[in-house]
Amino acid sequence: MRRLFTLLAALVVTLTLRGQEDPTTLLGAGDRLPHFEVAMTDGSHIRSSELEGKVVWITLWASWCPSCRKEFKWLSRSEAFEALTAHPDVLFLPIAREENSATVAAWLHKKGYSYRSGVDPTREIYSLFATEEIPRNLLVAPDGTIVSHTSTYSPKALEELVATANEMLNSK
């Protein structure tokens, strides 16, 4: 029952933050995470099928995007986000759209971010979730259900995602 409440609360938050339905969003709260495989900047690969059992925070972004840069700065300074992503049952999975691994790795290093990132040079993965606009954040429950999907940089939306992720962890 608590899990159902958490999912319903996240859906309400998502719809409130989005206001009305966004025609650029292809998958949202309640949808299953689609199958994809992403190459990471450290040379490894992650398959979406390997993510079940974890709370997954996916950020679709690009190093050239001003709003994405603001979002990464917020994430790096948020103690609540840092504590969340330190939890062993949480995976932060940023995926850079239309960029290669060398460019993304160099940008992350230059900015002092310790995150590794996936790369989606052909926009194949991004196209599973949306048609335009970054940054986008998706919060995925341990069962592979998308709990929240937000677009554009919003500190309030990021704080809500952290709270929802913590609720999911506490109800596990």
N, C-alpha and C. Protein backbone atom coordinates (compact mmCIF):
# COMPACT_ATOMS: atom_id res chain seq x y z
N MET A 1 0.82 -1.19 0.00
CA MET A 1 0.00 0.00 0.00
C MET A 1 0.87 1.26 0.00
N ARG A 2 1.95 1.24 0.79
CA ARG A 2 2.84 2.39 0.84
C ARG A 2 3.50 2.63 -0.51
N ARG A 3 3.85 1.55 -1.22
CA ARG A 3 4.46 1.66 -2.54
C ARG A 3 3.50 2.31 -3.52
N LEU A 4 2.23 1.91 -3.45
CA LEU A 4 1.21 2.50 -4.32
C LEU A 4 1.05 3.98 -4.02
N PHE A 5 1.04 4.35 -2.73
CA PHE A 5 0.94 5.75 -2.34
C PHE A 5 2.12 6.54 -2.90
N THR A 6 3.32 5.98 -2.79
CA THR A 6 4.52 6.66 -3.28
C THR A 6 4.43 6.90 -4.78
N LEU A 7 4.01 5.88 -5.52
CA LEU A 7 3.89 6.03 -6.97
C LEU A 7 2.82 7.05 -7.33
N LEU A 8 1.70 7.04 -6.64
CA LEU A 8 0.64 8.01 -6.91
C LEU A 8 1.09 9.43 -6.56
N ALA A 9 1.79 9.58 -5.45
CA ALA A 9 2.30 10.90 -5.07
C ALA A 9 3.28 11.43 -6.11
N ALA A 10 4.14 10.56 -6.59
CA ALA A 10 5.11 10.97 -7.61
C ALA A 10 4.41 11.38 -8.91
N LEU A 11 3.35 10.66 -9.26
CA LEU A 11 2.59 10.99 -10.46
C LEU A 11 1.96 12.37 -10.31
N VAL A 12 1.39 12.66 -9.16
CA VAL A 12 0.78 13.97 -8.92
C VAL A 12 1.84 15.07 -9.01
N VAL A 13 3.01 14.84 -8.39
CA VAL A 13 4.10 15.81 -8.44
C VAL A 13 4.51 16.05 -9.88
N THR A 14 4.68 14.99 -10.64
CA THR A 14 5.11 15.12 -12.03
C THR A 14 4.10 15.92 -12.84
N LEU A 15 2.83 15.60 -12.71
CA LEU A 15 1.81 16.31 -13.48
C LEU A 15 1.71 17.77 -13.03
N THR A 16 1.89 18.02 -11.75
CA THR A 16 1.86 19.39 -11.25
C THR A 16 3.03 20.18 -11.80
N LEU A 17 4.23 19.58 -11.78
CA LEU A 17 5.41 20.28 -12.27
C LEU A 17 5.34 20.52 -13.77
N ARG A 18 4.76 19.59 -14.49
CA ARG A 18 4.65 19.74 -15.94
C ARG A 18 3.48 20.61 -16.32
N GLY A 19 2.55 20.84 -15.39
CA GLY A 19 1.39 21.65 -15.70
C GLY A 19 0.42 20.87 -16.55
N GLN A 20 0.57 20.95 -17.83
CA GLN A 20 -0.28 20.20 -18.74
C GLN A 20 0.60 19.21 -19.49
N GLU A 21 -0.03 18.32 -20.21
CA GLU A 21 0.73 17.33 -20.95
C GLU A 21 1.68 18.00 -21.93
N ASP A 22 2.89 17.54 -21.96
CA ASP A 22 3.94 18.09 -22.81
C ASP A 22 4.05 17.21 -24.04
N PRO A 23 3.74 17.73 -25.22
CA PRO A 23 3.78 16.89 -26.43
C PRO A 23 5.19 16.43 -26.81
N THR A 24 6.23 17.01 -26.20
CA THR A 24 7.59 16.57 -26.50
C THR A 24 8.02 15.37 -25.66
N THR A 25 7.23 15.03 -24.64
CA THR A 25 7.52 13.90 -23.77
C THR A 25 6.84 12.65 -24.32
N LEU A 26 7.63 11.61 -24.56
CA LEU A 26 7.10 10.37 -25.13
C LEU A 26 6.78 9.32 -24.08
N LEU A 27 7.53 9.29 -22.99
CA LEU A 27 7.28 8.36 -21.89
C LEU A 27 7.26 9.13 -20.59
N GLY A 28 6.34 8.77 -19.72
CA GLY A 28 6.24 9.48 -18.45
C GLY A 28 5.89 8.55 -17.32
N ALA A 29 5.41 9.14 -16.23
CA ALA A 29 5.07 8.39 -15.03
C ALA A 29 4.10 7.26 -15.36
N GLY A 30 4.43 6.07 -14.88
CA GLY A 30 3.60 4.90 -15.10
C GLY A 30 4.07 4.02 -16.24
N ASP A 31 4.89 4.57 -17.14
CA ASP A 31 5.42 3.77 -18.25
C ASP A 31 6.61 2.94 -17.79
N ARG A 32 6.86 1.86 -18.48
CA ARG A 32 8.04 1.02 -18.20
C ARG A 32 9.26 1.63 -18.86
N LEU A 33 10.39 1.50 -18.20
CA LEU A 33 11.64 1.94 -18.78
C LEU A 33 11.91 1.09 -20.02
N PRO A 34 12.14 1.70 -21.18
CA PRO A 34 12.39 0.91 -22.39
C PRO A 34 13.78 0.28 -22.37
N HIS A 35 13.97 -0.70 -23.23
CA HIS A 35 15.28 -1.33 -23.34
C HIS A 35 16.24 -0.42 -24.10
N PHE A 36 17.43 -0.24 -23.53
CA PHE A 36 18.50 0.47 -24.23
C PHE A 36 19.83 0.02 -23.64
N GLU A 37 20.87 0.26 -24.38
CA GLU A 37 22.23 0.04 -23.90
C GLU A 37 23.00 1.31 -24.17
N VAL A 38 23.71 1.78 -23.14
CA VAL A 38 24.44 3.03 -23.28
C VAL A 38 25.91 2.81 -22.97
N ALA A 39 26.77 3.37 -23.83
CA ALA A 39 28.22 3.36 -23.59
C ALA A 39 28.54 4.48 -22.61
N MET A 40 29.38 4.17 -21.63
CA MET A 40 29.74 5.13 -20.60
C MET A 40 31.10 5.75 -20.91
N THR A 41 31.36 6.91 -20.32
CA THR A 41 32.63 7.59 -20.58
C THR A 41 33.83 6.82 -20.05
N ASP A 42 33.61 5.87 -19.15
CA ASP A 42 34.74 5.07 -18.65
C ASP A 42 34.96 3.80 -19.47
N GLY A 43 34.23 3.65 -20.59
CA GLY A 43 34.39 2.50 -21.47
C GLY A 43 33.45 1.35 -21.18
N SER A 44 32.75 1.39 -20.06
CA SER A 44 31.79 0.33 -19.74
C SER A 44 30.48 0.57 -20.49
N HIS A 45 29.56 -0.39 -20.38
CA HIS A 45 28.23 -0.27 -20.97
C HIS A 45 27.20 -0.62 -19.91
N ILE A 46 26.06 0.04 -19.98
CA ILE A 46 24.96 -0.25 -19.07
C ILE A 46 23.74 -0.57 -19.90
N ARG A 47 23.10 -1.69 -19.57
CA ARG A 47 21.83 -2.06 -20.21
C ARG A 47 20.70 -1.73 -19.23
N SER A 48 19.62 -1.22 -19.77
CA SER A 48 18.49 -0.86 -18.90
C SER A 48 17.96 -2.08 -18.16
N SER A 49 18.08 -3.25 -18.75
CA SER A 49 17.60 -4.48 -18.10
C SER A 49 18.39 -4.79 -16.83
N GLU A 50 19.58 -4.23 -16.69
CA GLU A 50 20.42 -4.46 -15.51
C GLU A 50 20.09 -3.51 -14.35
N LEU A 51 19.15 -2.60 -14.57
CA LEU A 51 18.87 -1.57 -13.58
C LEU A 51 17.80 -1.94 -12.57
N GLU A 52 17.05 -3.00 -12.86
CA GLU A 52 15.97 -3.38 -11.95
C GLU A 52 16.54 -3.69 -10.57
N GLY A 53 15.78 -3.31 -9.56
CA GLY A 53 16.22 -3.50 -8.18
C GLY A 53 16.83 -2.24 -7.59
N LYS A 54 17.09 -1.24 -8.43
CA LYS A 54 17.66 0.03 -7.97
C LYS A 54 16.69 1.17 -8.27
N VAL A 55 16.83 2.22 -7.51
CA VAL A 55 16.18 3.49 -7.86
C VAL A 55 17.15 4.16 -8.82
N VAL A 56 16.67 4.50 -10.01
CA VAL A 56 17.55 5.05 -11.04
C VAL A 56 17.12 6.47 -11.38
N TRP A 57 18.08 7.37 -11.37
CA TRP A 57 17.86 8.77 -11.76
C TRP A 57 18.58 8.96 -13.08
N ILE A 58 17.84 9.13 -14.14
CA ILE A 58 18.41 9.35 -15.48
C ILE A 58 18.30 10.84 -15.80
N THR A 59 19.42 11.42 -16.18
CA THR A 59 19.43 12.80 -16.66
C THR A 59 19.86 12.79 -18.11
N LEU A 60 19.02 13.31 -18.97
CA LEU A 60 19.34 13.47 -20.39
C LEU A 60 19.82 14.92 -20.56
N TRP A 61 21.02 15.09 -21.06
CA TRP A 61 21.67 16.40 -21.03
C TRP A 61 22.67 16.54 -22.16
N ALA A 62 23.35 17.70 -22.21
CA ALA A 62 24.46 17.94 -23.13
C ALA A 62 25.37 19.00 -22.52
N SER A 63 26.65 18.88 -22.76
CA SER A 63 27.61 19.82 -22.17
C SER A 63 27.47 21.23 -22.76
N TRP A 64 26.91 21.34 -23.94
CA TRP A 64 26.74 22.64 -24.59
C TRP A 64 25.46 23.36 -24.16
N CYS A 65 24.62 22.69 -23.38
CA CYS A 65 23.30 23.22 -22.98
C CYS A 65 23.43 24.07 -21.71
N PRO A 66 23.11 25.38 -21.77
CA PRO A 66 23.23 26.23 -20.58
C PRO A 66 22.39 25.76 -19.39
N SER A 67 21.17 25.30 -19.63
CA SER A 67 20.32 24.81 -18.53
C SER A 67 20.90 23.54 -17.93
N CYS A 68 21.48 22.69 -18.75
CA CYS A 68 22.10 21.46 -18.25
C CYS A 68 23.29 21.79 -17.36
N ARG A 69 24.04 22.79 -17.75
CA ARG A 69 25.19 23.22 -16.94
C ARG A 69 24.73 23.71 -15.57
N LYS A 70 23.64 24.49 -15.55
CA LYS A 70 23.08 24.96 -14.28
C LYS A 70 22.63 23.78 -13.44
N GLU A 71 22.01 22.80 -14.09
CA GLU A 71 21.51 21.63 -13.36
C GLU A 71 22.66 20.83 -12.75
N PHE A 72 23.71 20.60 -13.51
CA PHE A 72 24.86 19.86 -12.97
C PHE A 72 25.48 20.61 -11.79
N LYS A 73 25.53 21.93 -11.88
CA LYS A 73 26.06 22.72 -10.76
C LYS A 73 25.18 22.52 -9.53
N TRP A 74 23.85 22.56 -9.72
CA TRP A 74 22.93 22.35 -8.60
C TRP A 74 23.13 20.96 -8.00
N LEU A 75 23.19 19.94 -8.87
CA LEU A 75 23.36 18.57 -8.39
C LEU A 75 24.65 18.42 -7.59
N SER A 76 25.73 19.04 -8.06
CA SER A 76 27.02 18.90 -7.39
C SER A 76 27.06 19.62 -6.05
N ARG A 77 26.17 20.59 -5.85
CA ARG A 77 26.16 21.36 -4.60
C ARG A 77 25.07 20.91 -3.63
N SER A 78 24.21 20.01 -4.07
CA SER A 78 23.10 19.57 -3.22
C SER A 78 23.54 18.44 -2.29
N GLU A 79 23.52 18.71 -1.01
CA GLU A 79 23.87 17.67 -0.04
C GLU A 79 22.86 16.53 -0.08
N ALA A 80 21.59 16.86 -0.30
CA ALA A 80 20.55 15.82 -0.36
C ALA A 80 20.76 14.91 -1.56
N PHE A 81 21.14 15.49 -2.71
CA PHE A 81 21.40 14.67 -3.90
C PHE A 81 22.65 13.82 -3.68
N GLU A 82 23.68 14.40 -3.09
CA GLU A 82 24.91 13.66 -2.82
C GLU A 82 24.64 12.47 -1.90
N ALA A 83 23.85 12.69 -0.85
CA ALA A 83 23.51 11.60 0.07
C ALA A 83 22.68 10.53 -0.64
N LEU A 84 21.76 10.97 -1.48
CA LEU A 84 20.92 10.02 -2.22
C LEU A 84 21.78 9.14 -3.12
N THR A 85 22.65 9.74 -3.90
CA THR A 85 23.43 8.97 -4.87
C THR A 85 24.54 8.15 -4.23
N ALA A 86 24.81 8.39 -2.95
CA ALA A 86 25.77 7.56 -2.22
C ALA A 86 25.13 6.26 -1.74
N HIS A 87 23.81 6.19 -1.78
CA HIS A 87 23.09 4.99 -1.33
C HIS A 87 23.36 3.84 -2.32
N PRO A 88 23.65 2.64 -1.82
CA PRO A 88 23.98 1.52 -2.72
C PRO A 88 22.83 1.07 -3.63
N ASP A 89 21.59 1.43 -3.30
CA ASP A 89 20.45 1.04 -4.13
C ASP A 89 20.02 2.14 -5.09
N VAL A 90 20.88 3.14 -5.29
CA VAL A 90 20.57 4.25 -6.19
C VAL A 90 21.65 4.34 -7.27
N LEU A 91 21.22 4.56 -8.50
CA LEU A 91 22.15 4.78 -9.60
C LEU A 91 21.81 6.09 -10.28
N PHE A 92 22.77 7.00 -10.34
CA PHE A 92 22.64 8.23 -11.11
C PHE A 92 23.21 7.95 -12.48
N LEU A 93 22.39 8.11 -13.51
CA LEU A 93 22.79 7.77 -14.88
C LEU A 93 22.56 8.96 -15.81
N PRO A 94 23.52 9.89 -15.87
CA PRO A 94 23.42 10.95 -16.85
C PRO A 94 23.76 10.38 -18.24
N ILE A 95 23.03 10.84 -19.25
CA ILE A 95 23.28 10.41 -20.63
C ILE A 95 23.33 11.65 -21.50
N ALA A 96 24.50 11.91 -22.07
CA ALA A 96 24.71 13.10 -22.90
C ALA A 96 24.21 12.85 -24.31
N ARG A 97 23.38 13.76 -24.77
CA ARG A 97 22.76 13.66 -26.09
C ARG A 97 23.63 14.33 -27.14
N GLU A 98 23.84 13.63 -28.26
CA GLU A 98 24.53 14.15 -29.44
C GLU A 98 25.96 14.61 -29.15
N GLU A 99 26.65 13.85 -28.30
CA GLU A 99 28.05 14.13 -28.01
C GLU A 99 28.82 12.82 -27.91
N ASN A 100 30.12 12.90 -28.10
CA ASN A 100 30.93 11.68 -28.00
C ASN A 100 31.57 11.57 -26.62
N SER A 101 32.10 10.42 -26.34
CA SER A 101 32.65 10.11 -25.03
C SER A 101 33.80 11.04 -24.65
N ALA A 102 34.69 11.32 -25.58
CA ALA A 102 35.85 12.16 -25.28
C ALA A 102 35.42 13.57 -24.89
N THR A 103 34.47 14.14 -25.60
CA THR A 103 33.99 15.49 -25.31
C THR A 103 33.33 15.54 -23.94
N VAL A 104 32.48 14.57 -23.66
CA VAL A 104 31.75 14.54 -22.38
C VAL A 104 32.72 14.31 -21.22
N ALA A 105 33.62 13.35 -21.36
CA ALA A 105 34.59 13.07 -20.29
C ALA A 105 35.46 14.30 -20.02
N ALA A 106 35.90 14.99 -21.07
CA ALA A 106 36.73 16.18 -20.90
C ALA A 106 35.95 17.29 -20.19
N TRP A 107 34.69 17.49 -20.55
CA TRP A 107 33.88 18.53 -19.92
C TRP A 107 33.67 18.21 -18.43
N LEU A 108 33.31 16.97 -18.11
CA LEU A 108 33.10 16.57 -16.72
C LEU A 108 34.37 16.79 -15.90
N HIS A 109 35.51 16.39 -16.48
CA HIS A 109 36.79 16.55 -15.79
C HIS A 109 37.12 18.03 -15.56
N LYS A 110 36.94 18.83 -16.60
CA LYS A 110 37.22 20.27 -16.53
C LYS A 110 36.38 20.94 -15.43
N LYS A 111 35.15 20.52 -15.30
CA LYS A 111 34.24 21.11 -14.31
C LYS A 111 34.43 20.52 -12.91
N GLY A 112 35.22 19.45 -12.81
CA GLY A 112 35.49 18.84 -11.52
C GLY A 112 34.41 17.89 -11.03
N TYR A 113 33.56 17.43 -11.95
CA TYR A 113 32.50 16.49 -11.58
C TYR A 113 33.06 15.06 -11.60
N SER A 114 32.71 14.30 -10.60
CA SER A 114 33.21 12.93 -10.52
C SER A 114 32.28 11.94 -11.22
N TYR A 115 31.17 12.42 -11.75
CA TYR A 115 30.21 11.54 -12.40
C TYR A 115 30.79 10.97 -13.69
N ARG A 116 30.48 9.72 -13.94
CA ARG A 116 30.70 9.19 -15.28
C ARG A 116 29.37 9.39 -15.99
N SER A 117 29.38 9.42 -17.28
CA SER A 117 28.16 9.68 -18.03
C SER A 117 28.06 8.71 -19.19
N GLY A 118 26.83 8.44 -19.57
CA GLY A 118 26.59 7.73 -20.80
C GLY A 118 26.65 8.72 -21.95
N VAL A 119 26.83 8.20 -23.14
CA VAL A 119 26.81 9.07 -24.33
C VAL A 119 25.84 8.50 -25.35
N ASP A 120 25.13 9.38 -25.98
CA ASP A 120 24.12 9.04 -26.97
C ASP A 120 24.35 9.91 -28.21
N PRO A 121 25.44 9.62 -28.96
CA PRO A 121 25.83 10.51 -30.06
C PRO A 121 24.80 10.61 -31.19
N THR A 122 23.97 9.60 -31.36
CA THR A 122 22.99 9.63 -32.46
C THR A 122 21.59 9.97 -31.99
N ARG A 123 21.44 10.24 -30.70
CA ARG A 123 20.15 10.59 -30.11
C ARG A 123 19.17 9.42 -30.07
N GLU A 124 19.69 8.23 -30.23
CA GLU A 124 18.85 7.02 -30.24
C GLU A 124 18.15 6.79 -28.90
N ILE A 125 18.90 6.92 -27.81
CA ILE A 125 18.31 6.71 -26.48
C ILE A 125 17.37 7.86 -26.15
N TYR A 126 17.83 9.07 -26.37
CA TYR A 126 17.00 10.24 -26.08
C TYR A 126 15.64 10.14 -26.78
N SER A 127 15.64 9.66 -28.00
CA SER A 127 14.41 9.56 -28.80
C SER A 127 13.40 8.56 -28.23
N LEU A 128 13.82 7.73 -27.29
CA LEU A 128 12.88 6.84 -26.62
C LEU A 128 12.00 7.61 -25.62
N PHE A 129 12.52 8.74 -25.14
CA PHE A 129 11.86 9.48 -24.07
C PHE A 129 11.22 10.79 -24.50
N ALA A 130 11.80 11.46 -25.49
CA ALA A 130 11.32 12.79 -25.85
C ALA A 130 11.72 13.16 -27.27
N THR A 131 11.10 14.21 -27.76
CA THR A 131 11.43 14.70 -29.10
C THR A 131 12.34 15.92 -29.06
N GLU A 132 12.27 16.68 -27.97
CA GLU A 132 13.13 17.86 -27.82
C GLU A 132 13.17 18.29 -26.36
N GLU A 133 14.07 19.21 -26.08
CA GLU A 133 14.25 19.86 -24.80
C GLU A 133 15.08 19.05 -23.81
N ILE A 134 16.12 19.69 -23.32
CA ILE A 134 16.96 19.17 -22.26
C ILE A 134 17.24 20.30 -21.29
N PRO A 135 17.58 20.02 -20.07
CA PRO A 135 17.72 18.70 -19.48
C PRO A 135 16.37 18.06 -19.18
N ARG A 136 16.41 16.75 -19.10
CA ARG A 136 15.25 15.94 -18.71
C ARG A 136 15.72 14.99 -17.62
N ASN A 137 14.86 14.78 -16.65
CA ASN A 137 15.18 13.87 -15.55
C ASN A 137 14.07 12.85 -15.42
N LEU A 138 14.47 11.60 -15.32
CA LEU A 138 13.53 10.52 -15.11
C LEU A 138 13.93 9.78 -13.85
N LEU A 139 12.94 9.52 -13.02
CA LEU A 139 13.16 8.73 -11.82
C LEU A 139 12.47 7.40 -12.04
N VAL A 140 13.22 6.33 -11.90
CA VAL A 140 12.73 4.99 -12.18
C VAL A 140 12.73 4.16 -10.90
N ALA A 141 11.59 3.52 -10.64
CA ALA A 141 11.44 2.68 -9.45
C ALA A 141 12.21 1.37 -9.64
N PRO A 142 12.48 0.67 -8.54
CA PRO A 142 13.22 -0.60 -8.64
C PRO A 142 12.56 -1.64 -9.54
N ASP A 143 11.25 -1.54 -9.77
CA ASP A 143 10.58 -2.51 -10.65
C ASP A 143 10.64 -2.11 -12.12
N GLY A 144 11.32 -1.01 -12.45
CA GLY A 144 11.47 -0.58 -13.84
C GLY A 144 10.38 0.37 -14.32
N THR A 145 9.53 0.84 -13.42
CA THR A 145 8.48 1.78 -13.78
C THR A 145 8.98 3.21 -13.63
N ILE A 146 8.73 4.03 -14.64
CA ILE A 146 9.07 5.44 -14.54
C ILE A 146 8.10 6.09 -13.56
N VAL A 147 8.65 6.72 -12.55
CA VAL A 147 7.85 7.35 -11.51
C VAL A 147 7.65 8.83 -11.81
N SER A 148 8.66 9.46 -12.40
CA SER A 148 8.59 10.89 -12.69
C SER A 148 9.44 11.20 -13.90
N HIS A 149 8.98 12.18 -14.69
CA HIS A 149 9.72 12.65 -15.86
C HIS A 149 9.53 14.16 -15.91
N THR A 150 10.62 14.89 -15.70
CA THR A 150 10.56 16.34 -15.73
C THR A 150 11.41 16.87 -16.87
N SER A 151 11.08 18.07 -17.33
CA SER A 151 11.90 18.70 -18.36
C SER A 151 12.19 20.13 -17.96
N THR A 152 13.27 20.63 -18.44
CA THR A 152 13.85 21.94 -18.14
C THR A 152 14.47 21.95 -16.74
N TYR A 153 15.38 22.87 -16.54
CA TYR A 153 16.06 23.01 -15.25
C TYR A 153 15.14 23.70 -14.27
N SER A 154 14.92 23.05 -13.13
CA SER A 154 14.10 23.62 -12.07
C SER A 154 14.60 23.08 -10.73
N PRO A 155 15.20 23.94 -9.90
CA PRO A 155 15.63 23.47 -8.58
C PRO A 155 14.48 22.83 -7.79
N LYS A 156 13.29 23.40 -7.89
CA LYS A 156 12.14 22.84 -7.17
C LYS A 156 11.85 21.42 -7.65
N ALA A 157 11.87 21.20 -8.96
CA ALA A 157 11.63 19.86 -9.50
C ALA A 157 12.71 18.89 -9.05
N LEU A 158 13.97 19.35 -9.00
CA LEU A 158 15.07 18.49 -8.56
C LEU A 158 14.90 18.11 -7.09
N GLU A 159 14.50 19.08 -6.26
CA GLU A 159 14.26 18.79 -4.85
C GLU A 159 13.13 17.77 -4.69
N GLU A 160 12.08 17.90 -5.50
CA GLU A 160 10.97 16.94 -5.45
C GLU A 160 11.43 15.54 -5.88
N LEU A 161 12.30 15.48 -6.89
CA LEU A 161 12.82 14.17 -7.32
C LEU A 161 13.64 13.51 -6.22
N VAL A 162 14.46 14.29 -5.53
CA VAL A 162 15.25 13.75 -4.42
C VAL A 162 14.31 13.22 -3.34
N ALA A 163 13.29 13.98 -3.00
CA ALA A 163 12.33 13.55 -1.97
C ALA A 163 11.61 12.28 -2.39
N THR A 164 11.19 12.21 -3.64
CA THR A 164 10.48 11.02 -4.12
C THR A 164 11.40 9.81 -4.12
N ALA A 165 12.65 10.00 -4.53
CA ALA A 165 13.61 8.88 -4.52
C ALA A 165 13.82 8.38 -3.10
N ASN A 166 13.94 9.30 -2.16
CA ASN A 166 14.12 8.90 -0.76
C ASN A 166 12.90 8.16 -0.23
N GLU A 167 11.71 8.58 -0.62
CA GLU A 167 10.49 7.87 -0.22
C GLU A 167 10.51 6.44 -0.76
N MET A 168 10.95 6.27 -2.01
CA MET A 168 11.01 4.92 -2.57
C MET A 168 12.00 4.05 -1.80
N LEU A 169 13.14 4.62 -1.43
CA LEU A 169 14.13 3.86 -0.67
C LEU A 169 13.59 3.47 0.70
N ASN A 170 12.86 4.38 1.33
CA ASN A 170 12.33 4.11 2.66
C ASN A 170 11.19 3.10 2.65
N SER A 171 10.54 2.91 1.50
CA SER A 171 9.43 1.96 1.42
C SER A 171 9.87 0.59 0.91
N LYS A 172 11.15 0.45 0.59
CA LYS A 172 11.69 -0.83 0.09
C LYS A 172 11.69 -1.89 1.14
